[in-house]
Amino acid sequence: MTKSTARQVIVSMGTAARINRLKAAAYFIEYPDEITNLIDLVFDIDFKLHHKAAWVLEFVLENHIDWLVPHLDTFTKQLAKLKNDSALRPIAKICQWIAYEYVYKKNKSFTNSLTNKQINLIIESSFDWMIGEYRVATKVYTMDTLYYFGCLNLNDLSWVHSELKNIILQHIHLGSAGYQSHGKKIITLLDKK
């Protein structure tokens, strides 16, 4: 398989309909070695359909999150490149899954592989997404990611929860109903810490 094969799957997938995304994801599930090429397409911002690659990556990783482990370095180093709202939502969701697997599930694949540098790259991008002009879904997933990583008992991450709370409080009155609802939930969790 080649990068051009992966690209062709994305180009030919059609609209954002769930059935199309599932069909494209099925190809990558059948050929897991193609995940490298799919991740490359997600972060190839010159590829006009890189957002569709992100949609497909989300569907693949939903049931195969461990497949991301060998690619954590590539994935985390390139997060800051993404600016497209349609690409950011699924990537923010994947970051949420990574944080959950690492912090709460204590998934050995992640606890043995995810480095402090990679965690910091996710946190840095997450804060950029929280303060940037992005859709509410991206921000909601990002709140969870930052909350999870802030729960780690590490001195160099002790600031994460307080900064997250400040950002939510600054923006909650302007946010959508979804932002306000999830923001209040996160603030309640933070206040219990």
N, C-alpha and C. Protein backbone atom coordinates (compact mmCIF):
# COMPACT_ATOMS: atom_id res chain seq x y z
N MET A 1 0.84 -1.18 0.00
CA MET A 1 0.00 0.00 0.00
C MET A 1 0.89 1.24 0.00
N THR A 2 0.34 2.31 -0.51
CA THR A 2 1.11 3.54 -0.62
C THR A 2 0.30 4.71 -0.11
N LYS A 3 1.00 5.83 0.04
CA LYS A 3 0.32 7.05 0.47
C LYS A 3 -0.75 7.44 -0.55
N SER A 4 -0.49 7.17 -1.84
CA SER A 4 -1.46 7.54 -2.86
C SER A 4 -2.74 6.70 -2.73
N THR A 5 -2.61 5.43 -2.25
CA THR A 5 -3.79 4.60 -2.04
C THR A 5 -4.63 5.19 -0.91
N ALA A 6 -3.98 5.56 0.17
CA ALA A 6 -4.69 6.17 1.29
C ALA A 6 -5.36 7.47 0.85
N ARG A 7 -4.63 8.26 0.07
CA ARG A 7 -5.18 9.52 -0.44
C ARG A 7 -6.42 9.26 -1.29
N GLN A 8 -6.36 8.23 -2.12
CA GLN A 8 -7.49 7.92 -3.00
C GLN A 8 -8.73 7.53 -2.19
N VAL A 9 -8.52 6.81 -1.10
CA VAL A 9 -9.65 6.45 -0.23
C VAL A 9 -10.32 7.71 0.30
N ILE A 10 -9.52 8.67 0.72
CA ILE A 10 -10.06 9.92 1.26
C ILE A 10 -10.73 10.74 0.15
N VAL A 11 -10.09 10.85 -0.99
CA VAL A 11 -10.63 11.64 -2.10
C VAL A 11 -11.97 11.08 -2.57
N SER A 12 -12.09 9.76 -2.58
CA SER A 12 -13.30 9.14 -3.13
C SER A 12 -14.40 8.91 -2.09
N MET A 13 -14.20 9.33 -0.85
CA MET A 13 -15.19 9.01 0.18
C MET A 13 -16.48 9.79 0.08
N GLY A 14 -16.50 10.90 -0.61
CA GLY A 14 -17.75 11.65 -0.77
C GLY A 14 -18.00 12.61 0.37
N THR A 15 -19.27 12.81 0.67
CA THR A 15 -19.68 13.78 1.67
C THR A 15 -19.34 13.32 3.08
N ALA A 16 -19.66 14.16 4.05
CA ALA A 16 -19.37 13.86 5.46
C ALA A 16 -20.35 12.87 6.07
N ALA A 17 -21.25 12.33 5.28
CA ALA A 17 -22.23 11.38 5.81
C ALA A 17 -21.52 10.27 6.58
N ARG A 18 -22.11 9.88 7.68
CA ARG A 18 -21.52 8.87 8.55
C ARG A 18 -21.19 7.59 7.78
N ILE A 19 -22.07 7.17 6.89
CA ILE A 19 -21.85 5.95 6.12
C ILE A 19 -20.57 6.05 5.28
N ASN A 20 -20.30 7.23 4.74
CA ASN A 20 -19.08 7.43 3.95
C ASN A 20 -17.83 7.38 4.81
N ARG A 21 -17.91 7.98 5.98
CA ARG A 21 -16.78 7.95 6.90
C ARG A 21 -16.50 6.53 7.40
N LEU A 22 -17.57 5.79 7.68
CA LEU A 22 -17.41 4.42 8.13
C LEU A 22 -16.82 3.53 7.04
N LYS A 23 -17.25 3.76 5.81
CA LYS A 23 -16.74 2.97 4.69
C LYS A 23 -15.24 3.23 4.50
N ALA A 24 -14.84 4.49 4.57
CA ALA A 24 -13.42 4.82 4.44
C ALA A 24 -12.63 4.25 5.61
N ALA A 25 -13.18 4.34 6.82
CA ALA A 25 -12.51 3.80 8.00
C ALA A 25 -12.33 2.28 7.88
N ALA A 26 -13.32 1.63 7.28
CA ALA A 26 -13.24 0.17 7.13
C ALA A 26 -12.00 -0.23 6.32
N TYR A 27 -11.65 0.57 5.34
CA TYR A 27 -10.45 0.28 4.55
C TYR A 27 -9.21 0.28 5.46
N PHE A 28 -9.09 1.31 6.29
CA PHE A 28 -7.91 1.42 7.16
C PHE A 28 -7.92 0.38 8.28
N ILE A 29 -9.09 -0.05 8.68
CA ILE A 29 -9.17 -1.12 9.68
C ILE A 29 -8.75 -2.45 9.04
N GLU A 30 -9.11 -2.63 7.79
CA GLU A 30 -8.70 -3.84 7.08
C GLU A 30 -7.19 -3.84 6.79
N TYR A 31 -6.64 -2.65 6.56
CA TYR A 31 -5.21 -2.52 6.27
C TYR A 31 -4.56 -1.58 7.30
N PRO A 32 -4.35 -2.06 8.53
CA PRO A 32 -3.84 -1.19 9.59
C PRO A 32 -2.46 -0.59 9.32
N ASP A 33 -1.71 -1.20 8.43
CA ASP A 33 -0.40 -0.61 8.08
C ASP A 33 -0.55 0.74 7.38
N GLU A 34 -1.76 1.02 6.91
CA GLU A 34 -2.03 2.28 6.22
C GLU A 34 -2.26 3.45 7.18
N ILE A 35 -2.30 3.17 8.48
CA ILE A 35 -2.53 4.23 9.47
C ILE A 35 -1.47 5.31 9.36
N THR A 36 -0.24 4.93 9.11
CA THR A 36 0.84 5.90 8.94
C THR A 36 0.50 6.89 7.84
N ASN A 37 0.03 6.37 6.71
CA ASN A 37 -0.32 7.23 5.59
C ASN A 37 -1.54 8.10 5.90
N LEU A 38 -2.49 7.55 6.64
CA LEU A 38 -3.67 8.32 7.03
C LEU A 38 -3.27 9.48 7.94
N ILE A 39 -2.41 9.22 8.91
CA ILE A 39 -1.94 10.27 9.82
C ILE A 39 -1.18 11.34 9.03
N ASP A 40 -0.36 10.91 8.09
CA ASP A 40 0.35 11.88 7.24
C ASP A 40 -0.63 12.78 6.50
N LEU A 41 -1.74 12.22 6.01
CA LEU A 41 -2.74 13.02 5.30
C LEU A 41 -3.46 14.00 6.23
N VAL A 42 -3.71 13.57 7.46
CA VAL A 42 -4.36 14.46 8.44
C VAL A 42 -3.55 15.74 8.60
N PHE A 43 -2.24 15.59 8.69
CA PHE A 43 -1.38 16.74 8.99
C PHE A 43 -0.77 17.38 7.74
N ASP A 44 -1.17 16.92 6.58
CA ASP A 44 -0.74 17.54 5.33
C ASP A 44 -1.72 18.66 5.02
N ILE A 45 -1.49 19.83 5.61
CA ILE A 45 -2.47 20.91 5.49
C ILE A 45 -2.56 21.49 4.08
N ASP A 46 -1.64 21.11 3.22
CA ASP A 46 -1.75 21.49 1.81
C ASP A 46 -2.71 20.58 1.05
N PHE A 47 -3.03 19.44 1.62
CA PHE A 47 -4.01 18.52 1.04
C PHE A 47 -5.39 19.06 1.42
N LYS A 48 -6.15 19.51 0.44
CA LYS A 48 -7.40 20.22 0.73
C LYS A 48 -8.43 19.36 1.46
N LEU A 49 -8.25 18.05 1.47
CA LEU A 49 -9.18 17.16 2.16
C LEU A 49 -8.60 16.58 3.45
N HIS A 50 -7.60 17.25 4.00
CA HIS A 50 -6.98 16.71 5.22
C HIS A 50 -7.99 16.58 6.36
N HIS A 51 -9.02 17.42 6.34
CA HIS A 51 -10.05 17.33 7.37
C HIS A 51 -10.82 16.01 7.26
N LYS A 52 -11.02 15.52 6.03
CA LYS A 52 -11.70 14.23 5.87
C LYS A 52 -10.83 13.09 6.40
N ALA A 53 -9.53 13.22 6.23
CA ALA A 53 -8.62 12.21 6.79
C ALA A 53 -8.74 12.20 8.31
N ALA A 54 -8.92 13.38 8.92
CA ALA A 54 -9.09 13.46 10.37
C ALA A 54 -10.40 12.78 10.79
N TRP A 55 -11.45 12.98 10.00
CA TRP A 55 -12.73 12.31 10.32
C TRP A 55 -12.55 10.80 10.32
N VAL A 56 -11.85 10.30 9.32
CA VAL A 56 -11.65 8.86 9.18
C VAL A 56 -10.76 8.34 10.30
N LEU A 57 -9.71 9.08 10.63
CA LEU A 57 -8.83 8.66 11.72
C LEU A 57 -9.62 8.51 13.02
N GLU A 58 -10.52 9.43 13.28
CA GLU A 58 -11.36 9.34 14.48
C GLU A 58 -12.13 8.02 14.49
N PHE A 59 -12.76 7.67 13.37
CA PHE A 59 -13.56 6.45 13.30
C PHE A 59 -12.69 5.21 13.46
N VAL A 60 -11.49 5.23 12.92
CA VAL A 60 -10.58 4.09 13.04
C VAL A 60 -10.15 3.92 14.50
N LEU A 61 -9.75 5.02 15.13
CA LEU A 61 -9.21 4.95 16.48
C LEU A 61 -10.26 4.76 17.56
N GLU A 62 -11.51 5.01 17.22
CA GLU A 62 -12.58 4.85 18.21
C GLU A 62 -12.55 3.46 18.84
N ASN A 63 -12.27 2.45 18.05
CA ASN A 63 -12.21 1.08 18.57
C ASN A 63 -10.80 0.50 18.54
N HIS A 64 -9.84 1.30 18.06
CA HIS A 64 -8.46 0.81 17.94
C HIS A 64 -7.47 1.89 18.40
N ILE A 65 -7.74 2.50 19.54
CA ILE A 65 -6.93 3.62 19.99
C ILE A 65 -5.45 3.22 20.16
N ASP A 66 -5.19 1.98 20.49
CA ASP A 66 -3.81 1.52 20.65
C ASP A 66 -3.01 1.60 19.35
N TRP A 67 -3.70 1.63 18.22
CA TRP A 67 -3.00 1.74 16.94
C TRP A 67 -2.26 3.06 16.81
N LEU A 68 -2.62 4.03 17.63
CA LEU A 68 -1.97 5.33 17.58
C LEU A 68 -0.62 5.32 18.29
N VAL A 69 -0.42 4.41 19.21
CA VAL A 69 0.77 4.40 20.06
C VAL A 69 2.08 4.52 19.27
N PRO A 70 2.30 3.74 18.20
CA PRO A 70 3.57 3.88 17.48
C PRO A 70 3.73 5.24 16.78
N HIS A 71 2.65 5.98 16.70
CA HIS A 71 2.65 7.25 15.97
C HIS A 71 2.51 8.46 16.89
N LEU A 72 2.61 8.25 18.21
CA LEU A 72 2.39 9.34 19.16
C LEU A 72 3.33 10.52 18.93
N ASP A 73 4.58 10.24 18.61
CA ASP A 73 5.53 11.32 18.41
C ASP A 73 5.14 12.17 17.21
N THR A 74 4.85 11.53 16.08
CA THR A 74 4.43 12.24 14.87
C THR A 74 3.14 13.01 15.15
N PHE A 75 2.18 12.35 15.77
CA PHE A 75 0.87 12.95 16.05
C PHE A 75 1.01 14.20 16.92
N THR A 76 1.72 14.08 18.03
CA THR A 76 1.78 15.20 18.97
C THR A 76 2.62 16.36 18.43
N LYS A 77 3.68 16.06 17.69
CA LYS A 77 4.53 17.13 17.16
C LYS A 77 3.82 17.98 16.11
N GLN A 78 2.78 17.43 15.50
CA GLN A 78 2.12 18.15 14.41
C GLN A 78 0.79 18.78 14.80
N LEU A 79 0.36 18.59 16.01
CA LEU A 79 -0.94 19.13 16.44
C LEU A 79 -1.08 20.62 16.17
N ALA A 80 -0.03 21.37 16.44
CA ALA A 80 -0.10 22.83 16.32
C ALA A 80 -0.30 23.29 14.87
N LYS A 81 -0.06 22.42 13.90
CA LYS A 81 -0.24 22.78 12.50
C LYS A 81 -1.71 22.95 12.12
N LEU A 82 -2.58 22.24 12.81
CA LEU A 82 -3.98 22.21 12.41
C LEU A 82 -4.72 23.48 12.82
N LYS A 83 -5.44 24.03 11.86
CA LYS A 83 -6.24 25.23 12.12
C LYS A 83 -7.69 25.06 11.62
N ASN A 84 -7.90 24.09 10.74
CA ASN A 84 -9.21 23.86 10.13
C ASN A 84 -10.17 23.29 11.17
N ASP A 85 -11.30 23.98 11.39
CA ASP A 85 -12.29 23.53 12.38
C ASP A 85 -12.74 22.10 12.15
N SER A 86 -12.94 21.74 10.90
CA SER A 86 -13.43 20.39 10.59
C SER A 86 -12.39 19.32 10.91
N ALA A 87 -11.12 19.67 10.86
CA ALA A 87 -10.07 18.73 11.24
C ALA A 87 -9.84 18.73 12.75
N LEU A 88 -10.01 19.88 13.37
CA LEU A 88 -9.71 19.98 14.80
C LEU A 88 -10.67 19.20 15.68
N ARG A 89 -11.96 19.17 15.35
CA ARG A 89 -12.91 18.47 16.21
C ARG A 89 -12.52 17.01 16.41
N PRO A 90 -12.29 16.23 15.33
CA PRO A 90 -11.91 14.83 15.57
C PRO A 90 -10.54 14.69 16.24
N ILE A 91 -9.62 15.58 15.95
CA ILE A 91 -8.29 15.50 16.57
C ILE A 91 -8.38 15.84 18.06
N ALA A 92 -9.22 16.82 18.41
CA ALA A 92 -9.43 17.13 19.83
C ALA A 92 -10.05 15.94 20.55
N LYS A 93 -10.94 15.24 19.87
CA LYS A 93 -11.57 14.06 20.47
C LYS A 93 -10.53 12.96 20.68
N ILE A 94 -9.65 12.78 19.72
CA ILE A 94 -8.58 11.78 19.85
C ILE A 94 -7.66 12.15 21.01
N CYS A 95 -7.35 13.43 21.16
CA CYS A 95 -6.52 13.87 22.30
C CYS A 95 -7.22 13.56 23.62
N GLN A 96 -8.53 13.74 23.64
CA GLN A 96 -9.31 13.41 24.84
C GLN A 96 -9.17 11.91 25.14
N TRP A 97 -9.27 11.09 24.12
CA TRP A 97 -9.11 9.64 24.32
C TRP A 97 -7.73 9.30 24.84
N ILE A 98 -6.72 9.94 24.28
CA ILE A 98 -5.34 9.69 24.73
C ILE A 98 -5.22 10.00 26.22
N ALA A 99 -5.71 11.17 26.60
CA ALA A 99 -5.62 11.59 28.00
C ALA A 99 -6.38 10.62 28.91
N TYR A 100 -7.56 10.21 28.48
CA TYR A 100 -8.36 9.28 29.28
C TYR A 100 -7.65 7.92 29.42
N GLU A 101 -7.14 7.42 28.30
CA GLU A 101 -6.42 6.13 28.33
C GLU A 101 -5.22 6.21 29.27
N TYR A 102 -4.53 7.33 29.25
CA TYR A 102 -3.30 7.49 30.04
C TYR A 102 -3.61 7.70 31.52
N VAL A 103 -4.53 8.61 31.80
CA VAL A 103 -4.77 9.03 33.18
C VAL A 103 -5.71 8.10 33.92
N TYR A 104 -6.84 7.75 33.30
CA TYR A 104 -7.86 7.01 34.03
C TYR A 104 -7.84 5.50 33.78
N LYS A 105 -7.69 5.11 32.54
CA LYS A 105 -7.67 3.67 32.27
C LYS A 105 -6.31 3.07 32.56
N LYS A 106 -5.31 3.94 32.64
CA LYS A 106 -3.93 3.49 32.87
C LYS A 106 -3.56 2.40 31.87
N ASN A 107 -3.97 2.63 30.63
CA ASN A 107 -3.70 1.71 29.52
C ASN A 107 -2.18 1.61 29.36
N LYS A 108 -1.65 0.41 29.55
CA LYS A 108 -0.20 0.22 29.53
C LYS A 108 0.43 0.64 28.20
N SER A 109 -0.32 0.50 27.11
CA SER A 109 0.21 0.94 25.81
C SER A 109 0.56 2.41 25.87
N PHE A 110 -0.27 3.20 26.54
CA PHE A 110 -0.03 4.63 26.63
C PHE A 110 0.91 4.99 27.78
N THR A 111 0.71 4.36 28.94
CA THR A 111 1.56 4.71 30.09
C THR A 111 3.02 4.34 29.83
N ASN A 112 3.26 3.34 28.99
CA ASN A 112 4.63 2.95 28.67
C ASN A 112 5.20 3.71 27.49
N SER A 113 4.39 4.45 26.77
CA SER A 113 4.84 5.09 25.53
C SER A 113 4.75 6.61 25.52
N LEU A 114 3.68 7.16 26.09
CA LEU A 114 3.47 8.60 26.03
C LEU A 114 4.47 9.31 26.94
N THR A 115 5.25 10.20 26.36
CA THR A 115 6.29 10.89 27.13
C THR A 115 5.77 12.20 27.70
N ASN A 116 6.49 12.75 28.67
CA ASN A 116 6.12 14.06 29.22
C ASN A 116 6.13 15.13 28.13
N LYS A 117 7.09 15.03 27.22
CA LYS A 117 7.15 16.01 26.12
C LYS A 117 5.89 15.92 25.26
N GLN A 118 5.44 14.72 24.97
CA GLN A 118 4.23 14.54 24.16
C GLN A 118 2.99 15.05 24.91
N ILE A 119 2.93 14.77 26.20
CA ILE A 119 1.82 15.29 27.01
C ILE A 119 1.82 16.81 26.95
N ASN A 120 2.99 17.41 27.10
CA ASN A 120 3.07 18.87 27.06
C ASN A 120 2.68 19.44 25.70
N LEU A 121 2.99 18.73 24.62
CA LEU A 121 2.58 19.18 23.28
C LEU A 121 1.05 19.14 23.14
N ILE A 122 0.44 18.10 23.69
CA ILE A 122 -1.03 18.02 23.66
C ILE A 122 -1.62 19.15 24.50
N ILE A 123 -1.07 19.39 25.67
CA ILE A 123 -1.57 20.45 26.55
C ILE A 123 -1.42 21.82 25.88
N GLU A 124 -0.28 22.06 25.28
CA GLU A 124 -0.03 23.34 24.61
C GLU A 124 -1.04 23.58 23.48
N SER A 125 -1.24 22.58 22.64
CA SER A 125 -2.21 22.73 21.56
C SER A 125 -3.61 22.88 22.12
N SER A 126 -3.91 22.15 23.18
CA SER A 126 -5.24 22.22 23.78
C SER A 126 -5.54 23.63 24.28
N PHE A 127 -4.58 24.26 24.93
CA PHE A 127 -4.83 25.63 25.38
C PHE A 127 -4.99 26.59 24.20
N ASP A 128 -4.25 26.36 23.13
CA ASP A 128 -4.45 27.17 21.92
C ASP A 128 -5.87 27.02 21.39
N TRP A 129 -6.38 25.80 21.42
CA TRP A 129 -7.74 25.55 20.94
C TRP A 129 -8.78 26.16 21.88
N MET A 130 -8.48 26.18 23.16
CA MET A 130 -9.43 26.76 24.12
C MET A 130 -9.57 28.27 23.94
N ILE A 131 -8.47 28.94 23.63
CA ILE A 131 -8.54 30.41 23.52
C ILE A 131 -8.78 30.88 22.09
N GLY A 132 -8.63 29.98 21.12
CA GLY A 132 -8.85 30.34 19.72
C GLY A 132 -10.33 30.37 19.36
N GLU A 133 -10.58 30.84 18.17
CA GLU A 133 -11.95 30.93 17.65
C GLU A 133 -12.32 29.61 16.98
N TYR A 134 -12.60 28.61 17.79
CA TYR A 134 -12.95 27.30 17.26
C TYR A 134 -14.32 26.89 17.76
N ARG A 135 -14.89 25.89 17.11
CA ARG A 135 -16.24 25.43 17.44
C ARG A 135 -16.30 24.82 18.84
N VAL A 136 -17.52 24.79 19.35
CA VAL A 136 -17.73 24.34 20.72
C VAL A 136 -17.31 22.89 20.93
N ALA A 137 -17.53 22.01 19.96
CA ALA A 137 -17.16 20.60 20.15
C ALA A 137 -15.67 20.45 20.40
N THR A 138 -14.86 21.21 19.66
CA THR A 138 -13.41 21.17 19.87
C THR A 138 -13.09 21.60 21.29
N LYS A 139 -13.73 22.65 21.76
CA LYS A 139 -13.46 23.18 23.09
C LYS A 139 -13.93 22.21 24.19
N VAL A 140 -15.06 21.55 23.97
CA VAL A 140 -15.57 20.61 24.97
C VAL A 140 -14.63 19.42 25.12
N TYR A 141 -14.20 18.84 24.00
CA TYR A 141 -13.25 17.73 24.09
C TYR A 141 -11.94 18.19 24.74
N THR A 142 -11.56 19.41 24.43
CA THR A 142 -10.31 19.96 24.95
C THR A 142 -10.40 20.21 26.45
N MET A 143 -11.55 20.65 26.93
CA MET A 143 -11.72 20.82 28.38
C MET A 143 -11.44 19.50 29.09
N ASP A 144 -11.99 18.42 28.54
CA ASP A 144 -11.79 17.11 29.15
C ASP A 144 -10.31 16.71 29.12
N THR A 145 -9.67 16.92 27.98
CA THR A 145 -8.25 16.58 27.85
C THR A 145 -7.43 17.29 28.92
N LEU A 146 -7.64 18.59 29.05
CA LEU A 146 -6.88 19.37 30.03
C LEU A 146 -7.24 18.97 31.45
N TYR A 147 -8.50 18.68 31.69
CA TYR A 147 -8.89 18.22 33.02
C TYR A 147 -8.16 16.92 33.36
N TYR A 148 -8.19 15.95 32.43
CA TYR A 148 -7.54 14.66 32.69
C TYR A 148 -6.05 14.82 32.95
N PHE A 149 -5.36 15.52 32.05
CA PHE A 149 -3.91 15.66 32.24
C PHE A 149 -3.59 16.48 33.49
N GLY A 150 -4.43 17.42 33.85
CA GLY A 150 -4.22 18.19 35.07
C GLY A 150 -4.37 17.36 36.33
N CYS A 151 -5.03 16.21 36.21
CA CYS A 151 -5.19 15.31 37.36
C CYS A 151 -3.94 14.51 37.66
N LEU A 152 -3.00 14.51 36.72
CA LEU A 152 -1.74 13.81 36.98
C LEU A 152 -1.03 14.50 38.14
N ASN A 153 -0.48 13.74 39.00
CA ASN A 153 0.18 14.29 40.17
C ASN A 153 1.63 14.64 39.83
N LEU A 154 1.78 15.59 38.91
CA LEU A 154 3.10 16.02 38.48
C LEU A 154 3.25 17.52 38.74
N ASN A 155 4.36 17.91 39.35
CA ASN A 155 4.56 19.32 39.69
C ASN A 155 4.52 20.22 38.47
N ASP A 156 5.10 19.77 37.35
CA ASP A 156 5.15 20.65 36.19
C ASP A 156 3.80 20.79 35.50
N LEU A 157 2.77 20.06 35.96
CA LEU A 157 1.42 20.21 35.40
C LEU A 157 0.44 20.79 36.42
N SER A 158 0.95 21.23 37.56
CA SER A 158 0.07 21.72 38.62
C SER A 158 -0.71 22.97 38.21
N TRP A 159 -0.24 23.67 37.21
CA TRP A 159 -0.88 24.91 36.75
C TRP A 159 -2.05 24.66 35.80
N VAL A 160 -2.16 23.46 35.24
CA VAL A 160 -3.13 23.19 34.17
C VAL A 160 -4.56 23.45 34.63
N HIS A 161 -4.94 22.94 35.79
CA HIS A 161 -6.32 23.11 36.25
C HIS A 161 -6.67 24.57 36.51
N SER A 162 -5.78 25.31 37.13
CA SER A 162 -6.10 26.71 37.42
C SER A 162 -6.22 27.52 36.12
N GLU A 163 -5.36 27.25 35.16
CA GLU A 163 -5.44 27.97 33.87
C GLU A 163 -6.70 27.57 33.11
N LEU A 164 -7.04 26.30 33.15
CA LEU A 164 -8.27 25.84 32.49
C LEU A 164 -9.49 26.52 33.11
N LYS A 165 -9.54 26.58 34.42
CA LYS A 165 -10.66 27.22 35.10
C LYS A 165 -10.75 28.69 34.71
N ASN A 166 -9.62 29.39 34.69
CA ASN A 166 -9.62 30.80 34.31
C ASN A 166 -10.17 31.01 32.90
N ILE A 167 -9.75 30.18 31.97
CA ILE A 167 -10.22 30.33 30.58
C ILE A 167 -11.72 30.06 30.48
N ILE A 168 -12.17 29.01 31.14
CA ILE A 168 -13.61 28.70 31.10
C ILE A 168 -14.40 29.87 31.68
N LEU A 169 -13.97 30.37 32.83
CA LEU A 169 -14.69 31.48 33.48
C LEU A 169 -14.69 32.75 32.62
N GLN A 170 -13.60 33.00 31.90
CA GLN A 170 -13.52 34.17 31.03
C GLN A 170 -14.47 34.08 29.84
N HIS A 171 -14.72 32.86 29.37
CA HIS A 171 -15.48 32.69 28.13
C HIS A 171 -16.88 32.11 28.31
N ILE A 172 -17.21 31.67 29.51
CA ILE A 172 -18.47 30.94 29.69
C ILE A 172 -19.70 31.80 29.38
N HIS A 173 -19.64 33.06 29.72
CA HIS A 173 -20.81 33.91 29.49
C HIS A 173 -21.04 34.20 28.01
N LEU A 174 -20.02 34.03 27.18
CA LEU A 174 -20.15 34.24 25.74
C LEU A 174 -20.39 32.95 24.98
N GLY A 175 -20.19 31.83 25.65
CA GLY A 175 -20.24 30.54 24.97
C GLY A 175 -21.65 30.07 24.68
N SER A 176 -21.73 29.07 23.81
CA SER A 176 -23.01 28.45 23.49
C SER A 176 -23.54 27.68 24.70
N ALA A 177 -24.76 27.18 24.57
CA ALA A 177 -25.34 26.39 25.65
C ALA A 177 -24.47 25.17 25.96
N GLY A 178 -23.93 24.55 24.91
CA GLY A 178 -23.07 23.38 25.10
C GLY A 178 -21.79 23.73 25.83
N TYR A 179 -21.19 24.86 25.47
CA TYR A 179 -19.97 25.32 26.13
C TYR A 179 -20.26 25.61 27.60
N GLN A 180 -21.36 26.32 27.85
CA GLN A 180 -21.71 26.69 29.23
C GLN A 180 -21.98 25.45 30.08
N SER A 181 -22.72 24.51 29.53
CA SER A 181 -23.06 23.30 30.27
C SER A 181 -21.80 22.49 30.61
N HIS A 182 -20.97 22.26 29.62
CA HIS A 182 -19.76 21.48 29.89
C HIS A 182 -18.77 22.26 30.75
N GLY A 183 -18.68 23.56 30.50
CA GLY A 183 -17.80 24.40 31.32
C GLY A 183 -18.18 24.34 32.79
N LYS A 184 -19.47 24.41 33.08
CA LYS A 184 -19.94 24.33 34.47
C LYS A 184 -19.59 22.97 35.08
N LYS A 185 -19.74 21.92 34.28
CA LYS A 185 -19.40 20.57 34.77
C LYS A 185 -17.92 20.49 35.13
N ILE A 186 -17.07 21.01 34.26
CA ILE A 186 -15.62 20.97 34.51
C ILE A 186 -15.26 21.81 35.73
N ILE A 187 -15.86 23.00 35.84
CA ILE A 187 -15.59 23.86 37.00
C ILE A 187 -16.00 23.16 38.30
N THR A 188 -17.14 22.47 38.28
CA THR A 188 -17.57 21.71 39.47
C THR A 188 -16.53 20.66 39.83
N LEU A 189 -16.02 19.94 38.82
CA LEU A 189 -14.99 18.94 39.08
C LEU A 189 -13.72 19.58 39.63
N LEU A 190 -13.36 20.72 39.06
CA LEU A 190 -12.14 21.42 39.51
C LEU A 190 -12.28 21.92 40.94
N ASP A 191 -13.47 22.39 41.28
CA ASP A 191 -13.69 22.90 42.64
C ASP A 191 -13.64 21.79 43.69
N LYS A 192 -13.86 20.56 43.28
CA LYS A 192 -13.80 19.43 44.22
C LYS A 192 -12.37 18.98 44.47
N LYS A 193 -11.43 19.43 43.65
CA LYS A 193 -10.03 19.00 43.77
C LYS A 193 -9.35 19.72 44.91
